[in-house]
């Protein structure tokens, strides 16, 4: 387990790393090959791009563009862990406004 400090100095677990890195590295060769991600449809990609642009226009300036293949937003890019945590708390209206119609 890796402990890191937040911007405010509080300790937290870095969940981006395996809990037991040595064991993870030793067994990595035994894992099945990773599956390629399913590509998003042009409509899904356009909706994800529009959501990113909308959120930035609503004040979430650090919000990243979606992946050009999967249309998913990578939370390791763009903002800090604290910003991602505050997104659902502080930008509820922006999320509601920018969410793609289903």
N, C-alpha and C. Protein backbone atom coordinates (compact mmCIF):
# COMPACT_ATOMS: atom_id res chain seq x y z
N UNK A 1 0.85 -1.16 0.00
CA UNK A 1 0.00 0.00 0.00
C UNK A 1 0.90 1.23 0.00
N UNK A 2 0.55 2.19 -0.83
CA UNK A 2 1.32 3.42 -0.94
C UNK A 2 0.48 4.57 -0.40
N UNK A 3 1.05 5.33 0.52
CA UNK A 3 0.37 6.49 1.09
C UNK A 3 0.96 7.75 0.46
N UNK A 4 0.10 8.63 -0.02
CA UNK A 4 0.52 9.90 -0.60
C UNK A 4 -0.18 11.02 0.16
N UNK A 5 0.28 12.24 -0.02
CA UNK A 5 -0.33 13.40 0.63
C UNK A 5 -1.18 14.17 -0.38
N UNK A 6 -2.35 14.60 0.04
CA UNK A 6 -3.21 15.41 -0.82
C UNK A 6 -2.69 16.84 -0.83
N UNK A 7 -3.31 17.70 -1.64
CA UNK A 7 -2.90 19.10 -1.69
C UNK A 7 -3.00 19.77 -0.33
N UNK A 8 -3.94 19.31 0.49
CA UNK A 8 -4.12 19.90 1.82
C UNK A 8 -3.21 19.26 2.87
N UNK A 9 -2.40 18.27 2.47
CA UNK A 9 -1.47 17.63 3.39
C UNK A 9 -2.00 16.38 4.07
N UNK A 10 -3.25 16.04 3.80
CA UNK A 10 -3.85 14.86 4.43
C UNK A 10 -3.34 13.59 3.73
N UNK A 11 -3.06 12.53 4.51
CA UNK A 11 -2.62 11.28 3.88
C UNK A 11 -3.80 10.53 3.27
N UNK A 12 -3.53 9.83 2.17
CA UNK A 12 -4.54 8.96 1.56
C UNK A 12 -3.82 7.84 0.82
N UNK A 13 -4.53 6.73 0.61
CA UNK A 13 -3.96 5.60 -0.11
C UNK A 13 -3.96 5.89 -1.60
N UNK A 14 -2.83 5.61 -2.26
CA UNK A 14 -2.74 5.77 -3.71
C UNK A 14 -3.29 4.49 -4.33
N UNK A 15 -4.54 4.55 -4.80
CA UNK A 15 -5.20 3.36 -5.33
C UNK A 15 -4.83 3.08 -6.78
N UNK A 16 -3.96 3.90 -7.36
CA UNK A 16 -3.53 3.64 -8.73
C UNK A 16 -2.44 2.58 -8.78
N UNK A 17 -1.89 2.21 -7.62
CA UNK A 17 -0.84 1.20 -7.56
C UNK A 17 -1.38 -0.05 -6.88
N UNK A 18 -0.87 -1.23 -7.27
CA UNK A 18 -1.33 -2.46 -6.63
C UNK A 18 -0.96 -2.47 -5.15
N UNK A 19 -1.76 -3.18 -4.35
CA UNK A 19 -1.51 -3.22 -2.91
C UNK A 19 -0.17 -3.89 -2.60
N UNK A 20 0.19 -4.91 -3.33
CA UNK A 20 1.46 -5.58 -3.11
C UNK A 20 2.20 -5.59 -4.44
N UNK A 21 2.95 -4.54 -4.67
CA UNK A 21 3.59 -4.34 -5.97
C UNK A 21 4.57 -5.46 -6.34
N UNK A 22 5.32 -5.98 -5.36
CA UNK A 22 6.30 -7.03 -5.63
C UNK A 22 5.59 -8.29 -6.13
N UNK A 23 4.52 -8.69 -5.46
CA UNK A 23 3.76 -9.88 -5.88
C UNK A 23 3.10 -9.63 -7.23
N UNK A 24 2.60 -8.45 -7.44
CA UNK A 24 1.96 -8.11 -8.71
C UNK A 24 2.96 -8.26 -9.86
N UNK A 25 4.16 -7.73 -9.69
CA UNK A 25 5.18 -7.82 -10.74
C UNK A 25 5.62 -9.27 -10.96
N UNK A 26 5.73 -10.06 -9.88
CA UNK A 26 6.17 -11.45 -10.00
C UNK A 26 5.15 -12.30 -10.77
N UNK A 27 3.88 -12.00 -10.62
CA UNK A 27 2.82 -12.81 -11.25
C UNK A 27 2.31 -12.22 -12.56
N UNK A 28 2.83 -11.09 -12.96
CA UNK A 28 2.31 -10.41 -14.15
C UNK A 28 2.38 -11.27 -15.41
N UNK A 29 3.42 -12.08 -15.53
CA UNK A 29 3.57 -12.91 -16.73
C UNK A 29 2.50 -14.00 -16.81
N UNK A 30 1.84 -14.31 -15.71
CA UNK A 30 0.82 -15.36 -15.69
C UNK A 30 -0.58 -14.82 -15.99
N UNK A 31 -0.72 -13.53 -16.07
CA UNK A 31 -2.03 -12.94 -16.36
C UNK A 31 -2.41 -13.17 -17.82
N UNK A 32 -3.70 -13.32 -18.09
CA UNK A 32 -4.12 -13.45 -19.49
C UNK A 32 -3.87 -12.13 -20.22
N UNK A 33 -3.73 -12.17 -21.53
CA UNK A 33 -3.49 -10.93 -22.27
C UNK A 33 -4.67 -9.98 -22.10
N UNK A 34 -4.37 -8.69 -22.08
CA UNK A 34 -5.42 -7.69 -21.94
C UNK A 34 -6.23 -7.60 -23.22
N UNK A 35 -7.53 -7.49 -23.03
CA UNK A 35 -8.45 -7.34 -24.15
C UNK A 35 -8.41 -5.91 -24.66
N UNK A 36 -8.47 -5.75 -25.95
CA UNK A 36 -8.54 -4.41 -26.52
C UNK A 36 -9.89 -3.81 -26.16
N UNK A 37 -9.92 -2.52 -25.82
CA UNK A 37 -11.20 -1.91 -25.48
C UNK A 37 -12.12 -1.84 -26.70
N UNK A 38 -13.41 -1.95 -26.45
CA UNK A 38 -14.38 -1.83 -27.53
C UNK A 38 -14.43 -0.37 -27.99
N UNK A 39 -14.35 -0.13 -29.29
CA UNK A 39 -14.42 1.26 -29.76
C UNK A 39 -15.83 1.81 -29.60
N UNK A 40 -15.90 3.09 -29.31
CA UNK A 40 -17.19 3.77 -29.18
C UNK A 40 -17.73 4.09 -30.57
N UNK A 41 -19.02 4.19 -30.65
CA UNK A 41 -19.64 4.59 -31.92
C UNK A 41 -19.37 6.08 -32.15
N UNK A 42 -19.47 6.55 -33.38
CA UNK A 42 -19.28 7.98 -33.65
C UNK A 42 -20.22 8.85 -32.81
N UNK A 43 -21.44 8.39 -32.59
CA UNK A 43 -22.40 9.14 -31.78
C UNK A 43 -21.98 9.23 -30.32
N UNK A 44 -21.47 8.11 -29.78
CA UNK A 44 -21.01 8.10 -28.39
C UNK A 44 -19.80 9.02 -28.22
N UNK A 45 -18.89 8.98 -29.19
CA UNK A 45 -17.71 9.82 -29.13
C UNK A 45 -18.09 11.30 -29.21
N UNK A 46 -19.01 11.64 -30.10
CA UNK A 46 -19.46 13.03 -30.23
C UNK A 46 -20.13 13.50 -28.95
N UNK A 47 -20.95 12.65 -28.32
CA UNK A 47 -21.63 13.01 -27.07
C UNK A 47 -20.62 13.22 -25.95
N UNK A 48 -19.60 12.36 -25.87
CA UNK A 48 -18.59 12.50 -24.83
C UNK A 48 -17.77 13.77 -25.02
N UNK A 49 -17.43 14.09 -26.26
CA UNK A 49 -16.69 15.33 -26.54
C UNK A 49 -17.53 16.55 -26.18
N UNK A 50 -18.81 16.50 -26.51
CA UNK A 50 -19.71 17.61 -26.21
C UNK A 50 -19.84 17.79 -24.70
N UNK A 51 -19.91 16.69 -23.95
CA UNK A 51 -19.99 16.78 -22.50
C UNK A 51 -18.73 17.43 -21.92
N UNK A 52 -17.56 17.04 -22.42
CA UNK A 52 -16.31 17.64 -21.94
C UNK A 52 -16.28 19.14 -22.21
N UNK A 53 -16.66 19.54 -23.42
CA UNK A 53 -16.69 20.96 -23.77
C UNK A 53 -17.68 21.72 -22.90
N UNK A 54 -18.85 21.14 -22.67
CA UNK A 54 -19.89 21.77 -21.86
C UNK A 54 -19.40 21.96 -20.42
N UNK A 55 -18.79 20.92 -19.84
CA UNK A 55 -18.31 21.04 -18.46
C UNK A 55 -17.23 22.10 -18.34
N UNK A 56 -16.35 22.19 -19.32
CA UNK A 56 -15.33 23.24 -19.28
C UNK A 56 -15.99 24.62 -19.38
N UNK A 57 -17.01 24.75 -20.22
CA UNK A 57 -17.73 26.02 -20.35
C UNK A 57 -18.46 26.37 -19.05
N UNK A 58 -18.83 25.36 -18.27
CA UNK A 58 -19.54 25.58 -17.00
C UNK A 58 -18.59 25.79 -15.82
N UNK A 59 -17.29 25.89 -16.09
CA UNK A 59 -16.34 26.21 -15.03
C UNK A 59 -15.44 25.08 -14.58
N UNK A 60 -15.58 23.90 -15.15
CA UNK A 60 -14.71 22.78 -14.79
C UNK A 60 -13.56 22.77 -15.80
N UNK A 61 -12.68 23.77 -15.68
CA UNK A 61 -11.65 24.02 -16.69
C UNK A 61 -10.66 22.87 -16.87
N UNK A 62 -10.49 22.06 -15.86
CA UNK A 62 -9.52 20.97 -15.91
C UNK A 62 -10.08 19.68 -16.52
N UNK A 63 -11.38 19.63 -16.83
CA UNK A 63 -12.02 18.40 -17.30
C UNK A 63 -11.40 17.98 -18.64
N UNK A 64 -10.89 16.73 -18.75
CA UNK A 64 -10.18 16.31 -19.97
C UNK A 64 -11.12 15.89 -21.10
N UNK A 65 -10.55 15.79 -22.29
CA UNK A 65 -11.28 15.26 -23.44
C UNK A 65 -11.41 13.75 -23.28
N UNK A 66 -12.42 13.15 -23.87
CA UNK A 66 -12.56 11.69 -23.79
C UNK A 66 -11.52 10.99 -24.66
N UNK A 67 -11.30 9.72 -24.37
CA UNK A 67 -10.41 8.90 -25.17
C UNK A 67 -10.98 8.83 -26.59
N UNK A 68 -10.14 9.03 -27.62
CA UNK A 68 -10.65 9.05 -29.00
C UNK A 68 -11.13 7.69 -29.51
N UNK A 69 -10.84 6.61 -28.80
CA UNK A 69 -11.29 5.28 -29.23
C UNK A 69 -12.50 4.83 -28.42
N UNK A 70 -12.40 4.93 -27.09
CA UNK A 70 -13.45 4.38 -26.22
C UNK A 70 -14.48 5.42 -25.78
N UNK A 71 -14.17 6.70 -25.92
CA UNK A 71 -15.02 7.82 -25.47
C UNK A 71 -15.10 7.90 -23.95
N UNK A 72 -14.24 7.17 -23.25
CA UNK A 72 -14.22 7.23 -21.79
C UNK A 72 -13.30 8.35 -21.33
N UNK A 73 -13.61 8.92 -20.17
CA UNK A 73 -12.77 9.96 -19.58
C UNK A 73 -11.87 9.30 -18.56
N UNK A 74 -10.57 9.51 -18.69
CA UNK A 74 -9.58 8.93 -17.80
C UNK A 74 -9.38 9.87 -16.61
N UNK A 75 -9.72 9.39 -15.41
CA UNK A 75 -9.62 10.23 -14.22
C UNK A 75 -8.18 10.42 -13.75
N UNK A 76 -7.21 9.77 -14.41
CA UNK A 76 -5.82 10.03 -14.05
C UNK A 76 -5.27 11.21 -14.83
N UNK A 77 -6.06 11.70 -15.79
CA UNK A 77 -5.66 12.88 -16.57
C UNK A 77 -6.52 14.06 -16.15
N UNK A 78 -6.06 15.23 -16.44
CA UNK A 78 -6.87 16.42 -16.17
C UNK A 78 -6.72 16.91 -14.76
N UNK A 79 -7.63 16.55 -13.89
CA UNK A 79 -7.65 17.10 -12.54
C UNK A 79 -6.92 16.25 -11.52
N UNK A 80 -6.83 16.81 -10.33
CA UNK A 80 -6.24 16.10 -9.19
C UNK A 80 -7.30 15.18 -8.59
N UNK A 81 -6.91 14.23 -7.74
CA UNK A 81 -7.91 13.39 -7.07
C UNK A 81 -8.94 14.22 -6.29
N UNK A 82 -8.49 15.31 -5.70
CA UNK A 82 -9.41 16.18 -4.95
C UNK A 82 -10.43 16.84 -5.88
N UNK A 83 -9.99 17.26 -7.07
CA UNK A 83 -10.91 17.87 -8.02
C UNK A 83 -11.95 16.85 -8.50
N UNK A 84 -11.51 15.63 -8.77
CA UNK A 84 -12.45 14.60 -9.21
C UNK A 84 -13.46 14.31 -8.10
N UNK A 85 -13.00 14.30 -6.84
CA UNK A 85 -13.92 14.07 -5.72
C UNK A 85 -14.94 15.18 -5.60
N UNK A 86 -14.50 16.41 -5.83
CA UNK A 86 -15.41 17.55 -5.67
C UNK A 86 -16.34 17.72 -6.87
N UNK A 87 -16.07 17.06 -7.98
CA UNK A 87 -16.87 17.25 -9.19
C UNK A 87 -18.35 16.98 -8.93
N UNK A 88 -18.66 15.83 -8.33
CA UNK A 88 -20.07 15.47 -8.10
C UNK A 88 -20.69 16.28 -6.96
N UNK A 89 -19.88 16.84 -6.11
CA UNK A 89 -20.39 17.62 -4.99
C UNK A 89 -20.60 19.08 -5.36
N UNK A 90 -19.63 19.66 -6.06
CA UNK A 90 -19.65 21.11 -6.31
C UNK A 90 -20.21 21.50 -7.68
N UNK A 91 -20.33 20.56 -8.58
CA UNK A 91 -20.78 20.88 -9.94
C UNK A 91 -22.00 20.05 -10.35
N UNK A 92 -22.93 19.86 -9.41
CA UNK A 92 -24.11 19.04 -9.67
C UNK A 92 -24.91 19.59 -10.84
N UNK A 93 -25.16 20.88 -10.84
CA UNK A 93 -25.96 21.48 -11.92
C UNK A 93 -25.25 21.39 -13.26
N UNK A 94 -23.94 21.60 -13.27
CA UNK A 94 -23.18 21.49 -14.53
C UNK A 94 -23.24 20.06 -15.06
N UNK A 95 -23.09 19.09 -14.17
CA UNK A 95 -23.17 17.69 -14.60
C UNK A 95 -24.55 17.37 -15.17
N UNK A 96 -25.59 17.87 -14.51
CA UNK A 96 -26.96 17.64 -14.97
C UNK A 96 -27.18 18.28 -16.35
N UNK A 97 -26.69 19.51 -16.50
CA UNK A 97 -26.87 20.24 -17.75
C UNK A 97 -26.09 19.59 -18.90
N UNK A 98 -24.89 19.11 -18.61
CA UNK A 98 -23.99 18.62 -19.66
C UNK A 98 -24.13 17.13 -19.96
N UNK A 99 -24.83 16.40 -19.13
CA UNK A 99 -24.97 14.95 -19.33
C UNK A 99 -25.69 14.68 -20.65
N UNK A 100 -25.16 13.77 -21.47
CA UNK A 100 -25.82 13.46 -22.75
C UNK A 100 -27.22 12.91 -22.52
N UNK A 101 -28.14 13.26 -23.40
CA UNK A 101 -29.51 12.74 -23.32
C UNK A 101 -29.50 11.25 -23.62
N UNK A 102 -30.32 10.52 -22.92
CA UNK A 102 -30.37 9.06 -23.13
C UNK A 102 -31.58 8.69 -23.92
